[in-house]
Amino acid sequence: MSDIEVESTAVTLAGRRLSLIVKTHIPSADATYPRMLVSLIDITARKEAEERALQGTAILRDIIDSTPTRYS
């Protein structure tokens, strides 16, 4: 028996790009029901939120790095 989980991308027929988690369960050859099971979980909203957070962090880091420092 084998379970595999990976992140992947796909494109819908309408051309929208999706971020996915692909979970695959592959039973052993001698299993009672030797059928592979694949689940696709749409994580597009989460990936977009992560990207916005990274961009915000980069902007704040640029502001901090470009601000003159005063020493007393």
Protein backbone atom coordinates (compact mmCIF):
# COMPACT_ATOMS: atom_id res chain seq x y z
CA MET A 1 0.00 0.00 0.00
CA SER A 2 1.26 3.46 -0.82
CA ASP A 3 -0.02 6.97 -0.05
CA ILE A 4 1.35 9.97 -1.91
CA GLU A 5 0.58 13.66 -1.35
CA VAL A 6 1.96 16.46 -3.53
CA GLU A 7 1.17 20.07 -4.41
CA SER A 8 0.47 20.69 -8.07
CA THR A 9 -1.14 23.16 -10.46
CA ALA A 10 -3.82 22.74 -13.09
CA VAL A 11 -5.63 24.90 -15.59
CA THR A 12 -9.42 24.80 -15.96
CA LEU A 13 -11.10 24.68 -19.35
CA ALA A 14 -11.84 28.39 -18.88
CA GLY A 15 -8.09 29.03 -18.48
CA ARG A 16 -8.09 29.68 -14.71
CA ARG A 17 -4.96 28.43 -12.95
CA LEU A 18 -5.56 26.34 -9.82
CA SER A 19 -3.27 25.26 -7.00
CA LEU A 20 -4.04 21.76 -5.78
CA ILE A 21 -3.08 19.15 -3.26
CA VAL A 22 -3.18 15.76 -4.94
CA LYS A 23 -3.60 12.80 -2.59
CA THR A 24 -3.23 9.32 -4.05
CA HIS A 25 -3.87 6.02 -2.31
CA ILE A 26 -2.52 2.96 -4.10
CA PRO A 27 -3.47 -0.30 -2.38
CA SER A 28 -1.31 -3.40 -2.50
CA ALA A 29 -1.85 -5.77 -5.41
CA ASP A 30 -3.42 -8.40 -3.14
CA ALA A 31 -5.93 -5.98 -1.55
CA THR A 32 -9.58 -7.04 -1.52
CA TYR A 33 -10.47 -3.98 -3.60
CA PRO A 34 -7.31 -3.05 -5.54
CA ARG A 35 -8.47 0.35 -6.74
CA MET A 36 -6.44 3.54 -6.74
CA LEU A 37 -8.09 6.54 -5.07
CA VAL A 38 -7.15 10.10 -6.06
CA SER A 39 -8.35 13.23 -4.26
CA LEU A 40 -7.87 16.77 -5.56
CA ILE A 41 -8.10 19.58 -2.99
CA ASP A 42 -8.30 23.14 -4.28
CA ILE A 43 -5.88 25.33 -2.30
CA THR A 44 -5.88 28.26 -4.74
CA ALA A 45 -7.26 30.77 -2.21
CA ARG A 46 -4.69 29.72 0.39
CA LYS A 47 -1.79 30.01 -2.06
CA GLU A 48 -3.00 33.45 -3.20
CA ALA A 49 -3.21 34.60 0.45
CA GLU A 50 0.31 33.28 1.11
CA GLU A 51 1.61 35.19 -1.93
CA ARG A 52 -0.06 38.42 -0.76
CA ALA A 53 1.47 37.96 2.71
CA LEU A 54 4.93 37.41 1.19
CA GLN A 55 4.55 40.54 -0.96
CA GLY A 56 3.45 42.56 2.08
CA THR A 57 6.42 41.30 4.07
CA ALA A 58 8.79 42.21 1.23
CA ILE A 59 7.34 45.74 1.03
CA LEU A 60 7.70 46.23 4.79
CA ARG A 61 11.28 44.89 4.68
CA ASP A 62 12.11 47.37 1.89
CA ILE A 63 10.63 50.24 3.93
CA ILE A 64 12.58 49.22 7.04
CA ASP A 65 15.81 48.79 5.07
CA SER A 66 15.49 52.18 3.36
CA THR A 67 14.63 54.13 6.53
CA PRO A 68 17.62 56.03 7.96
CA THR A 69 18.62 54.89 11.43
CA ARG A 70 19.32 57.47 14.12
CA TYR A 71 21.74 56.74 16.86
CA SER A 72 21.68 58.67 20.12
